Amino acid sequence: MFSNDIGIDLGTATTLIYVAGKGIVLKEPSIVAMDARANKVMAVGQSAYEMLGKTSDLIRVVRPLEEGVISGGMIPKMECCVDAIHGGVERVHILDGRIPHSILIELLSDEGIGTMMKKEEAL
């Protein structure tokens, strides 16, 4: 069976993606440029960072994380989880990044401090 073990660190300043056996495969600023009229993503990471202070009112350049937490409440978090599961990810965990070592506590203990989602097969 083929398995991809990845870790994603959505930091307030930088987003990192780690793939087992390959190491860090992405290190980009945690920033997004949005088309304000259509509410669509135009650029992410370094490309969006380079747009800071150089755009019109029609383009919003935002940091989707505030104080280590995804801004916008639970809706964007759930949308990301559902998109990941529909894209083939086996399970996703939502954790409070302000809790020290939250990913280790969630994955390696029985404390269960986060929320796990996974696709259920129909009976």
C-alpha atoms as a PDB file:
ATOM      1  CA  MET A   1       0.000   0.000   0.000  1.00  0.00           C
ATOM      2  CA  PHE A   2       1.315   3.453  -0.932  1.00  0.00           C
ATOM      3  CA  SER A   3       1.402   6.080   1.827  1.00  0.00           C
ATOM      4  CA  ASN A   4       2.424   9.740   1.867  1.00  0.00           C
ATOM      5  CA  ASP A   5       3.257  10.988   5.325  1.00  0.00           C
ATOM      6  CA  ILE A   6       3.287  14.779   5.342  1.00  0.00           C
ATOM      7  CA  GLY A   7       3.385  17.440   7.982  1.00  0.00           C
ATOM      8  CA  ILE A   8       2.140  20.972   7.467  1.00  0.00           C
ATOM      9  CA  ASP A   9       3.091  23.823   9.769  1.00  0.00           C
ATOM     10  CA  LEU A  10       0.824  26.808   9.159  1.00  0.00           C
ATOM     11  CA  GLY A  11       2.886  29.384  10.969  1.00  0.00           C
ATOM     12  CA  THR A  12       1.876  33.005  11.437  1.00  0.00           C
ATOM     13  CA  ALA A  13       4.886  34.152   9.380  1.00  0.00           C
ATOM     14  CA  THR A  14       5.923  31.059   7.373  1.00  0.00           C
ATOM     15  CA  THR A  15       4.216  27.888   6.124  1.00  0.00           C
ATOM     16  CA  LEU A  16       6.312  24.713   5.942  1.00  0.00           C
ATOM     17  CA  ILE A  17       5.452  21.388   4.306  1.00  0.00           C
ATOM     18  CA  TYR A  18       7.479  18.315   5.226  1.00  0.00           C
ATOM     19  CA  VAL A  19       7.288  15.020   3.302  1.00  0.00           C
ATOM     20  CA  ALA A  20       8.714  11.870   4.870  1.00  0.00           C
ATOM     21  CA  GLY A  21      11.820  10.777   3.001  1.00  0.00           C
ATOM     22  CA  LYS A  22      12.187  14.146   1.229  1.00  0.00           C
ATOM     23  CA  GLY A  23      12.364  16.671   4.054  1.00  0.00           C
ATOM     24  CA  ILE A  24      10.983  20.202   3.761  1.00  0.00           C
ATOM     25  CA  VAL A  25       9.500  20.587   0.279  1.00  0.00           C
ATOM     26  CA  LEU A  26       7.912  24.029   0.741  1.00  0.00           C
ATOM     27  CA  LYS A  27       8.850  27.073   2.808  1.00  0.00           C
ATOM     28  CA  GLU A  28       6.813  30.160   1.923  1.00  0.00           C
ATOM     29  CA  PRO A  29       5.453  33.246   3.682  1.00  0.00           C
ATOM     30  CA  SER A  30       1.963  32.678   5.160  1.00  0.00           C
ATOM     31  CA  ILE A  31       0.244  35.287   3.020  1.00  0.00           C
ATOM     32  CA  VAL A  32      -2.501  35.322   0.370  1.00  0.00           C
ATOM     33  CA  ALA A  33      -3.479  37.868  -2.312  1.00  0.00           C
ATOM     34  CA  MET A  34      -7.219  37.900  -3.010  1.00  0.00           C
ATOM     35  CA  ASP A  35      -9.314  39.456  -5.774  1.00  0.00           C
ATOM     36  CA  ALA A  36     -11.601  41.635  -3.621  1.00  0.00           C
ATOM     37  CA  ARG A  37     -14.485  41.584  -6.115  1.00  0.00           C
ATOM     38  CA  ALA A  38     -14.586  37.856  -6.870  1.00  0.00           C
ATOM     39  CA  ASN A  39     -13.186  36.728  -3.490  1.00  0.00           C
ATOM     40  CA  LYS A  40     -10.777  34.421  -5.339  1.00  0.00           C
ATOM     41  CA  VAL A  41      -7.154  33.628  -4.565  1.00  0.00           C
ATOM     42  CA  MET A  42      -4.727  35.347  -6.929  1.00  0.00           C
ATOM     43  CA  ALA A  43      -1.382  34.450  -5.340  1.00  0.00           C
ATOM     44  CA  VAL A  44       0.041  32.733  -2.264  1.00  0.00           C
ATOM     45  CA  GLY A  45       3.369  32.633  -0.465  1.00  0.00           C
ATOM     46  CA  GLN A  46       6.299  34.591  -1.880  1.00  0.00           C
ATOM     47  CA  SER A  47       4.294  35.805  -4.898  1.00  0.00           C
ATOM     48  CA  ALA A  48       1.654  37.320  -2.607  1.00  0.00           C
ATOM     49  CA  TYR A  49       4.315  38.715  -0.254  1.00  0.00           C
ATOM     50  CA  GLU A  50       5.881  40.610  -3.156  1.00  0.00           C
ATOM     51  CA  MET A  51       2.498  42.290  -3.754  1.00  0.00           C
ATOM     52  CA  LEU A  52       2.367  43.831  -0.244  1.00  0.00           C
ATOM     53  CA  GLY A  53       1.910  47.590  -0.498  1.00  0.00           C
ATOM     54  CA  LYS A  54       1.901  47.500  -4.306  1.00  0.00           C
ATOM     55  CA  THR A  55      -1.731  46.669  -5.081  1.00  0.00           C
ATOM     56  CA  SER A  56      -4.924  48.595  -5.767  1.00  0.00           C
ATOM     57  CA  ASP A  57      -8.067  48.378  -3.629  1.00  0.00           C
ATOM     58  CA  LEU A  58      -9.201  45.550  -5.913  1.00  0.00           C
ATOM     59  CA  ILE A  59      -6.571  43.202  -4.462  1.00  0.00           C
ATOM     60  CA  ARG A  60      -6.391  42.376  -0.756  1.00  0.00           C
ATOM     61  CA  VAL A  61      -3.123  40.954   0.573  1.00  0.00           C
ATOM     62  CA  VAL A  62      -3.814  39.199   3.879  1.00  0.00           C
ATOM     63  CA  ARG A  63      -2.232  36.882   6.400  1.00  0.00           C
ATOM     64  CA  PRO A  64      -4.754  34.080   6.991  1.00  0.00           C
ATOM     65  CA  LEU A  65      -3.246  33.353  10.414  1.00  0.00           C
ATOM     66  CA  GLU A  66      -3.592  35.674  13.375  1.00  0.00           C
ATOM     67  CA  GLU A  67      -1.607  34.890  16.529  1.00  0.00           C
ATOM     68  CA  GLY A  68      -1.077  31.296  15.367  1.00  0.00           C
ATOM     69  CA  VAL A  69      -4.766  30.677  14.619  1.00  0.00           C
ATOM     70  CA  ILE A  70      -6.476  30.471  11.215  1.00  0.00           C
ATOM     71  CA  SER A  71      -8.585  33.614  10.980  1.00  0.00           C
ATOM     72  CA  GLY A  72     -12.256  33.505  10.078  1.00  0.00           C
ATOM     73  CA  GLY A  73     -13.401  30.981  12.679  1.00  0.00           C
ATOM     74  CA  MET A  74     -14.248  27.327  12.078  1.00  0.00           C
ATOM     75  CA  ILE A  75     -15.710  27.656   8.562  1.00  0.00           C
ATOM     76  CA  PRO A  76     -12.371  28.059   6.716  1.00  0.00           C
ATOM     77  CA  LYS A  77     -10.837  25.320   8.867  1.00  0.00           C
ATOM     78  CA  MET A  78     -13.652  22.893   8.033  1.00  0.00           C
ATOM     79  CA  GLU A  79     -13.548  23.818   4.327  1.00  0.00           C
ATOM     80  CA  CYS A  80      -9.817  23.035   4.251  1.00  0.00           C
ATOM     81  CA  CYS A  81     -10.411  19.690   5.967  1.00  0.00           C
ATOM     82  CA  VAL A  82     -13.218  18.683   3.608  1.00  0.00           C
ATOM     83  CA  ASP A  83     -11.142  19.721   0.571  1.00  0.00           C
ATOM     84  CA  ALA A  84      -8.190  17.669   1.856  1.00  0.00           C
ATOM     85  CA  ILE A  85     -10.326  14.571   2.435  1.00  0.00           C
ATOM     86  CA  HIS A  86     -11.971  14.906  -0.992  1.00  0.00           C
ATOM     87  CA  GLY A  87      -8.443  15.226  -2.409  1.00  0.00           C
ATOM     88  CA  GLY A  88      -7.438  11.849  -0.990  1.00  0.00           C
ATOM     89  CA  VAL A  89      -6.034  12.674   2.450  1.00  0.00           C
ATOM     90  CA  GLU A  90      -6.947   9.836   4.826  1.00  0.00           C
ATOM     91  CA  ARG A  91      -7.544  12.014   7.897  1.00  0.00           C
ATOM     92  CA  VAL A  92      -6.987  15.554   9.095  1.00  0.00           C
ATOM     93  CA  HIS A  93      -6.524  17.065  12.543  1.00  0.00           C
ATOM     94  CA  ILE A  94      -7.500  20.556  13.671  1.00  0.00           C
ATOM     95  CA  LEU A  95      -5.286  21.675  16.552  1.00  0.00           C
ATOM     96  CA  ASP A  96      -4.849  24.817  18.609  1.00  0.00           C
ATOM     97  CA  GLY A  97      -1.386  25.991  17.619  1.00  0.00           C
ATOM     98  CA  ARG A  98      -1.144  28.093  20.777  1.00  0.00           C
ATOM     99  CA  ILE A  99      -0.895  24.937  22.919  1.00  0.00           C
ATOM    100  CA  PRO A 100       2.755  23.886  23.178  1.00  0.00           C
ATOM    101  CA  HIS A 101       3.432  20.547  21.452  1.00  0.00           C
ATOM    102  CA  SER A 102      -0.233  20.200  20.437  1.00  0.00           C
ATOM    103  CA  ILE A 103       0.544  18.003  17.414  1.00  0.00           C
ATOM    104  CA  LEU A 104       2.593  15.602  19.522  1.00  0.00           C
ATOM    105  CA  ILE A 105      -0.088  15.425  22.224  1.00  0.00           C
ATOM    106  CA  GLU A 106      -2.804  14.781  19.611  1.00  0.00           C
ATOM    107  CA  LEU A 107      -0.951  12.145  17.606  1.00  0.00           C
ATOM    108  CA  LEU A 108       1.104  10.350  20.262  1.00  0.00           C
ATOM    109  CA  SER A 109      -1.166  10.272  23.314  1.00  0.00           C
ATOM    110  CA  ASP A 110      -4.729   9.402  24.293  1.00  0.00           C
ATOM    111  CA  GLU A 111      -5.502  12.976  25.410  1.00  0.00           C
ATOM    112  CA  GLY A 112      -7.137  13.961  22.115  1.00  0.00           C
ATOM    113  CA  ILE A 113      -6.821  17.743  22.385  1.00  0.00           C
ATOM    114  CA  GLY A 114      -7.844  18.383  18.769  1.00  0.00           C
ATOM    115  CA  THR A 115     -10.503  17.397  16.275  1.00  0.00           C
ATOM    116  CA  MET A 116      -9.868  14.599  13.779  1.00  0.00           C
ATOM    117  CA  MET A 117     -11.888  14.183  10.597  1.00  0.00           C
ATOM    118  CA  LYS A 118     -11.815  11.243   8.220  1.00  0.00           C
ATOM    119  CA  LYS A 119     -13.979   9.933   5.431  1.00  0.00           C
ATOM    120  CA  GLU A 120     -16.435   7.244   6.458  1.00  0.00           C
ATOM    121  CA  GLU A 121     -17.229   4.547   3.943  1.00  0.00           C
ATOM    122  CA  ALA A 122     -20.926   3.931   3.263  1.00  0.00           C
ATOM    123  CA  LEU A 123     -22.275   0.644   4.534  1.00  0.00           C
END
